[in-house]
Amino acid sequence: MNVTRDYVRAALELQGLSVPEEEVINIHLRLSLWMKALDEIEAAIGDQMDDVDPVPPVYPHEKF
């Protein structure tokens, strides 16, 4: 997934976050690297990931 700075700005705006432009640059860089790594994982083992059920949500244990 290609992440643009405009995408980062829009995502921050949707969440109601006001972030200085120098931080938008940092967030863009980190998110881009993260998405690149996820794309590489998908390319390497994507078929295997489709064969595994997702981990169900874990809720706090009830007190006995």
PDB file of N, CA and C in Angstrom:
ATOM      1  N   MET A   1       0.850  -1.178   0.000  1.00  0.00           N
ATOM      2  CA  MET A   1       0.000   0.000   0.000  1.00  0.00           C
ATOM      3  C   MET A   1       0.890   1.233   0.000  1.00  0.00           C
ATOM      4  N   ASN A   2       0.606   2.129  -0.897  1.00  0.00           N
ATOM      5  CA  ASN A   2       1.348   3.380  -0.968  1.00  0.00           C
ATOM      6  C   ASN A   2       0.646   4.416  -0.096  1.00  0.00           C
ATOM      7  N   VAL A   3       1.351   4.899   0.911  1.00  0.00           N
ATOM      8  CA  VAL A   3       0.787   5.877   1.840  1.00  0.00           C
ATOM      9  C   VAL A   3       1.354   7.251   1.490  1.00  0.00           C
ATOM     10  N   THR A   4       0.476   8.196   1.257  1.00  0.00           N
ATOM     11  CA  THR A   4       0.918   9.559   0.951  1.00  0.00           C
ATOM     12  C   THR A   4       0.780  10.449   2.180  1.00  0.00           C
ATOM     13  N   ARG A   5       1.430  11.592   2.127  1.00  0.00           N
ATOM     14  CA  ARG A   5       1.287  12.546   3.235  1.00  0.00           C
ATOM     15  C   ARG A   5      -0.145  13.054   3.314  1.00  0.00           C
ATOM     16  N   ASP A   6      -0.787  13.195   2.170  1.00  0.00           N
ATOM     17  CA  ASP A   6      -2.190  13.617   2.177  1.00  0.00           C
ATOM     18  C   ASP A   6      -3.069  12.592   2.886  1.00  0.00           C
ATOM     19  N   TYR A   7      -2.760  11.309   2.672  1.00  0.00           N
ATOM     20  CA  TYR A   7      -3.496  10.242   3.361  1.00  0.00           C
ATOM     21  C   TYR A   7      -3.304  10.368   4.878  1.00  0.00           C
ATOM     22  N   VAL A   8      -2.058  10.597   5.297  1.00  0.00           N
ATOM     23  CA  VAL A   8      -1.765  10.742   6.729  1.00  0.00           C
ATOM     24  C   VAL A   8      -2.511  11.952   7.300  1.00  0.00           C
ATOM     25  N   ARG A   9      -2.463  13.061   6.586  1.00  0.00           N
ATOM     26  CA  ARG A   9      -3.181  14.264   7.054  1.00  0.00           C
ATOM     27  C   ARG A   9      -4.676  13.994   7.188  1.00  0.00           C
ATOM     28  N   ALA A  10      -5.247  13.319   6.186  1.00  0.00           N
ATOM     29  CA  ALA A  10      -6.686  13.021   6.218  1.00  0.00           C
ATOM     30  C   ALA A  10      -7.024  12.090   7.376  1.00  0.00           C
ATOM     31  N   ALA A  11      -6.191  11.082   7.605  1.00  0.00           N
ATOM     32  CA  ALA A  11      -6.434  10.145   8.703  1.00  0.00           C
ATOM     33  C   ALA A  11      -6.358  10.859  10.053  1.00  0.00           C
ATOM     34  N   LEU A  12      -5.387  11.741  10.197  1.00  0.00           N
ATOM     35  CA  LEU A  12      -5.270  12.495  11.443  1.00  0.00           C
ATOM     36  C   LEU A  12      -6.471  13.421  11.635  1.00  0.00           C
ATOM     37  N   GLU A  13      -6.910  14.039  10.549  1.00  0.00           N
ATOM     38  CA  GLU A  13      -8.063  14.939  10.626  1.00  0.00           C
ATOM     39  C   GLU A  13      -9.333  14.177  11.000  1.00  0.00           C
ATOM     40  N   LEU A  14      -9.509  12.983  10.428  1.00  0.00           N
ATOM     41  CA  LEU A  14     -10.681  12.170  10.761  1.00  0.00           C
ATOM     42  C   LEU A  14     -10.721  11.812  12.244  1.00  0.00           C
ATOM     43  N   GLN A  15      -9.545  11.705  12.844  1.00  0.00           N
ATOM     44  CA  GLN A  15      -9.477  11.367  14.264  1.00  0.00           C
ATOM     45  C   GLN A  15      -9.507  12.610  15.148  1.00  0.00           C
ATOM     46  N   GLY A  16      -9.571  13.765  14.518  1.00  0.00           N
ATOM     47  CA  GLY A  16      -9.636  15.005  15.276  1.00  0.00           C
ATOM     48  C   GLY A  16      -8.311  15.401  15.904  1.00  0.00           C
ATOM     49  N   LEU A  17      -7.203  14.951  15.293  1.00  0.00           N
ATOM     50  CA  LEU A  17      -5.884  15.244  15.843  1.00  0.00           C
ATOM     51  C   LEU A  17      -5.228  16.384  15.087  1.00  0.00           C
ATOM     52  N   SER A  18      -4.715  17.337  15.822  1.00  0.00           N
ATOM     53  CA  SER A  18      -3.964  18.436  15.234  1.00  0.00           C
ATOM     54  C   SER A  18      -2.482  18.154  15.436  1.00  0.00           C
ATOM     55  N   VAL A  19      -1.788  17.942  14.329  1.00  0.00           N
ATOM     56  CA  VAL A  19      -0.380  17.553  14.394  1.00  0.00           C
ATOM     57  C   VAL A  19       0.438  18.536  13.566  1.00  0.00           C
ATOM     58  N   PRO A  20       1.553  19.037  14.129  1.00  0.00           N
ATOM     59  CA  PRO A  20       2.420  19.944  13.350  1.00  0.00           C
ATOM     60  C   PRO A  20       2.959  19.235  12.100  1.00  0.00           C
ATOM     61  N   GLU A  21       3.215  20.015  11.049  1.00  0.00           N
ATOM     62  CA  GLU A  21       3.656  19.454   9.766  1.00  0.00           C
ATOM     63  C   GLU A  21       4.934  18.624   9.901  1.00  0.00           C
ATOM     64  N   GLU A  22       5.859  19.038  10.742  1.00  0.00           N
ATOM     65  CA  GLU A  22       7.099  18.254  10.898  1.00  0.00           C
ATOM     66  C   GLU A  22       6.818  16.866  11.487  1.00  0.00           C
ATOM     67  N   GLU A  23       5.779  16.764  12.289  1.00  0.00           N
ATOM     68  CA  GLU A  23       5.385  15.461  12.825  1.00  0.00           C
ATOM     69  C   GLU A  23       4.636  14.635  11.778  1.00  0.00           C
ATOM     70  N   VAL A  24       3.889  15.300  10.889  1.00  0.00           N
ATOM     71  CA  VAL A  24       3.213  14.589   9.801  1.00  0.00           C
ATOM     72  C   VAL A  24       4.257  13.884   8.936  1.00  0.00           C
ATOM     73  N   ILE A  25       5.376  14.565   8.693  1.00  0.00           N
ATOM     74  CA  ILE A  25       6.461  13.972   7.907  1.00  0.00           C
ATOM     75  C   ILE A  25       6.981  12.716   8.606  1.00  0.00           C
ATOM     76  N   ASN A  26       7.175  12.786   9.912  1.00  0.00           N
ATOM     77  CA  ASN A  26       7.654  11.643  10.692  1.00  0.00           C
ATOM     78  C   ASN A  26       6.642  10.501  10.679  1.00  0.00           C
ATOM     79  N   ILE A  27       5.376  10.818  10.873  1.00  0.00           N
ATOM     80  CA  ILE A  27       4.316   9.800  10.862  1.00  0.00           C
ATOM     81  C   ILE A  27       4.242   9.151   9.486  1.00  0.00           C
ATOM     82  N   HIS A  28       4.330   9.953   8.439  1.00  0.00           N
ATOM     83  CA  HIS A  28       4.301   9.430   7.070  1.00  0.00           C
ATOM     84  C   HIS A  28       5.440   8.446   6.837  1.00  0.00           C
ATOM     85  N   LEU A  29       6.636   8.801   7.262  1.00  0.00           N
ATOM     86  CA  LEU A  29       7.792   7.926   7.094  1.00  0.00           C
ATOM     87  C   LEU A  29       7.593   6.607   7.833  1.00  0.00           C
ATOM     88  N   ARG A  30       7.191   6.673   9.080  1.00  0.00           N
ATOM     89  CA  ARG A  30       7.002   5.457   9.876  1.00  0.00           C
ATOM     90  C   ARG A  30       5.878   4.577   9.322  1.00  0.00           C
ATOM     91  N   LEU A  31       4.762   5.185   8.948  1.00  0.00           N
ATOM     92  CA  LEU A  31       3.649   4.415   8.415  1.00  0.00           C
ATOM     93  C   LEU A  31       4.016   3.784   7.073  1.00  0.00           C
ATOM     94  N   SER A  32       4.752   4.520   6.244  1.00  0.00           N
ATOM     95  CA  SER A  32       5.189   3.982   4.955  1.00  0.00           C
ATOM     96  C   SER A  32       6.087   2.766   5.141  1.00  0.00           C
ATOM     97  N   LEU A  33       7.021   2.857   6.080  1.00  0.00           N
ATOM     98  CA  LEU A  33       7.917   1.730   6.356  1.00  0.00           C
ATOM     99  C   LEU A  33       7.147   0.533   6.896  1.00  0.00           C
ATOM    100  N   TRP A  34       6.181   0.788   7.758  1.00  0.00           N
ATOM    101  CA  TRP A  34       5.350  -0.274   8.326  1.00  0.00           C
ATOM    102  C   TRP A  34       4.545  -0.987   7.234  1.00  0.00           C
ATOM    103  N   MET A  35       3.927  -0.207   6.359  1.00  0.00           N
ATOM    104  CA  MET A  35       3.125  -0.789   5.288  1.00  0.00           C
ATOM    105  C   MET A  35       3.999  -1.552   4.289  1.00  0.00           C
ATOM    106  N   LYS A  36       5.210  -1.058   4.039  1.00  0.00           N
ATOM    107  CA  LYS A  36       6.150  -1.759   3.153  1.00  0.00           C
ATOM    108  C   LYS A  36       6.506  -3.113   3.751  1.00  0.00           C
ATOM    109  N   ALA A  37       6.775  -3.136   5.064  1.00  0.00           N
ATOM    110  CA  ALA A  37       7.105  -4.400   5.734  1.00  0.00           C
ATOM    111  C   ALA A  37       5.925  -5.366   5.669  1.00  0.00           C
ATOM    112  N   LEU A  38       4.715  -4.869   5.868  1.00  0.00           N
ATOM    113  CA  LEU A  38       3.533  -5.731   5.788  1.00  0.00           C
ATOM    114  C   LEU A  38       3.348  -6.281   4.373  1.00  0.00           C
ATOM    115  N   ASP A  39       3.627  -5.469   3.359  1.00  0.00           N
ATOM    116  CA  ASP A  39       3.547  -5.939   1.970  1.00  0.00           C
ATOM    117  C   ASP A  39       4.562  -7.055   1.720  1.00  0.00           C
ATOM    118  N   GLU A  40       5.765  -6.912   2.284  1.00  0.00           N
ATOM    119  CA  GLU A  40       6.804  -7.935   2.118  1.00  0.00           C
ATOM    120  C   GLU A  40       6.401  -9.238   2.810  1.00  0.00           C
ATOM    121  N   ILE A  41       5.807  -9.130   3.984  1.00  0.00           N
ATOM    122  CA  ILE A  41       5.337 -10.325   4.689  1.00  0.00           C
ATOM    123  C   ILE A  41       4.235 -10.994   3.888  1.00  0.00           C
ATOM    124  N   GLU A  42       3.315 -10.203   3.370  1.00  0.00           N
ATOM    125  CA  GLU A  42       2.219 -10.728   2.559  1.00  0.00           C
ATOM    126  C   GLU A  42       2.754 -11.450   1.325  1.00  0.00           C
ATOM    127  N   ALA A  43       3.774 -10.873   0.687  1.00  0.00           N
ATOM    128  CA  ALA A  43       4.355 -11.488  -0.512  1.00  0.00           C
ATOM    129  C   ALA A  43       5.056 -12.805  -0.171  1.00  0.00           C
ATOM    130  N   ALA A  44       5.693 -12.850   0.990  1.00  0.00           N
ATOM    131  CA  ALA A  44       6.462 -14.038   1.373  1.00  0.00           C
ATOM    132  C   ALA A  44       5.581 -15.175   1.875  1.00  0.00           C
ATOM    133  N   ILE A  45       4.591 -14.870   2.688  1.00  0.00           N
ATOM    134  CA  ILE A  45       3.805 -15.952   3.299  1.00  0.00           C
ATOM    135  C   ILE A  45       2.303 -15.719   3.212  1.00  0.00           C
ATOM    136  N   GLY A  46       1.873 -14.926   2.256  1.00  0.00           N
ATOM    137  CA  GLY A  46       0.460 -14.590   2.132  1.00  0.00           C
ATOM    138  C   GLY A  46      -0.449 -15.798   2.025  1.00  0.00           C
ATOM    139  N   ASP A  47      -0.040 -16.800   1.219  1.00  0.00           N
ATOM    140  CA  ASP A  47      -0.855 -18.002   1.069  1.00  0.00           C
ATOM    141  C   ASP A  47      -0.996 -18.745   2.390  1.00  0.00           C
ATOM    142  N   GLN A  48       0.070 -18.799   3.161  1.00  0.00           N
ATOM    143  CA  GLN A  48       0.026 -19.479   4.453  1.00  0.00           C
ATOM    144  C   GLN A  48      -0.886 -18.736   5.425  1.00  0.00           C
ATOM    145  N   MET A  49      -0.884 -17.415   5.333  1.00  0.00           N
ATOM    146  CA  MET A  49      -1.731 -16.622   6.225  1.00  0.00           C
ATOM    147  C   MET A  49      -3.207 -16.874   5.953  1.00  0.00           C
ATOM    148  N   ASP A  50      -3.550 -17.191   4.697  1.00  0.00           N
ATOM    149  CA  ASP A  50      -4.940 -17.462   4.352  1.00  0.00           C
ATOM    150  C   ASP A  50      -5.427 -18.793   4.917  1.00  0.00           C
ATOM    151  N   ASP A  51      -4.503 -19.686   5.268  1.00  0.00           N
ATOM    152  CA  ASP A  51      -4.862 -21.006   5.771  1.00  0.00           C
ATOM    153  C   ASP A  51      -5.055 -21.043   7.286  1.00  0.00           C
ATOM    154  N   VAL A  52      -4.801 -19.945   7.957  1.00  0.00           N
ATOM    155  CA  VAL A  52      -4.845 -19.905   9.424  1.00  0.00           C
ATOM    156  C   VAL A  52      -6.008 -19.024   9.861  1.00  0.00           C
ATOM    157  N   ASP A  53      -6.768 -19.510  10.839  1.00  0.00           N
ATOM    158  CA  ASP A  53      -7.850 -18.702  11.392  1.00  0.00           C
ATOM    159  C   ASP A  53      -7.265 -17.565  12.220  1.00  0.00           C
ATOM    160  N   PRO A  54      -7.901 -16.400  12.199  1.00  0.00           N
ATOM    161  CA  PRO A  54      -7.408 -15.291  13.014  1.00  0.00           C
ATOM    162  C   PRO A  54      -7.550 -15.608  14.500  1.00  0.00           C
ATOM    163  N   VAL A  55      -6.736 -14.960  15.295  1.00  0.00           N
ATOM    164  CA  VAL A  55      -6.801 -15.142  16.747  1.00  0.00           C
ATOM    165  C   VAL A  55      -8.081 -14.478  17.240  1.00  0.00           C
ATOM    166  N   PRO A  56      -8.901 -15.214  17.990  1.00  0.00           N
ATOM    167  CA  PRO A  56     -10.139 -14.603  18.488  1.00  0.00           C
ATOM    168  C   PRO A  56      -9.824 -13.542  19.543  1.00  0.00           C
ATOM    169  N   PRO A  57     -10.724 -12.605  19.738  1.00  0.00           N
ATOM    170  CA  PRO A  57     -10.491 -11.589  20.771  1.00  0.00           C
ATOM    171  C   PRO A  57     -10.413 -12.242  22.147  1.00  0.00           C
ATOM    172  N   VAL A  58      -9.584 -11.688  22.983  1.00  0.00           N
ATOM    173  CA  VAL A  58      -9.412 -12.209  24.344  1.00  0.00           C
ATOM    174  C   VAL A  58     -10.060 -11.235  25.317  1.00  0.00           C
ATOM    175  N   TYR A  59     -10.974 -11.735  26.081  1.00  0.00           N
ATOM    176  CA  TYR A  59     -11.673 -10.881  27.058  1.00  0.00           C
ATOM    177  C   TYR A  59     -11.156 -11.209  28.460  1.00  0.00           C
ATOM    178  N   PRO A  60     -11.278 -10.238  29.362  1.00  0.00           N
ATOM    179  CA  PRO A  60     -10.849 -10.501  30.743  1.00  0.00           C
ATOM    180  C   PRO A  60     -11.599 -11.717  31.305  1.00  0.00           C
ATOM    181  N   HIS A  61     -10.881 -12.481  32.084  1.00  0.00           N
ATOM    182  CA  HIS A  61     -11.498 -13.656  32.687  1.00  0.00           C
ATOM    183  C   HIS A  61     -12.481 -13.232  33.772  1.00  0.00           C
ATOM    184  N   GLU A  62     -13.544 -13.998  33.879  1.00  0.00           N
ATOM    185  CA  GLU A  62     -14.521 -13.706  34.929  1.00  0.00           C
ATOM    186  C   GLU A  62     -13.921 -14.053  36.285  1.00  0.00           C
ATOM    187  N   LYS A  63     -14.296 -13.288  37.293  1.00  0.00           N
ATOM    188  CA  LYS A  63     -13.834 -13.580  38.657  1.00  0.00           C
ATOM    189  C   LYS A  63     -14.681 -14.700  39.207  1.00  0.00           C
ATOM    190  N   PHE A  64     -14.040 -15.642  39.837  1.00  0.00           N
ATOM    191  CA  PHE A  64     -14.755 -16.778  40.432  1.00  0.00           C
ATOM    192  C   PHE A  64     -14.827 -16.630  41.925  1.00  0.00           C
TER     193      PHE A  64
END
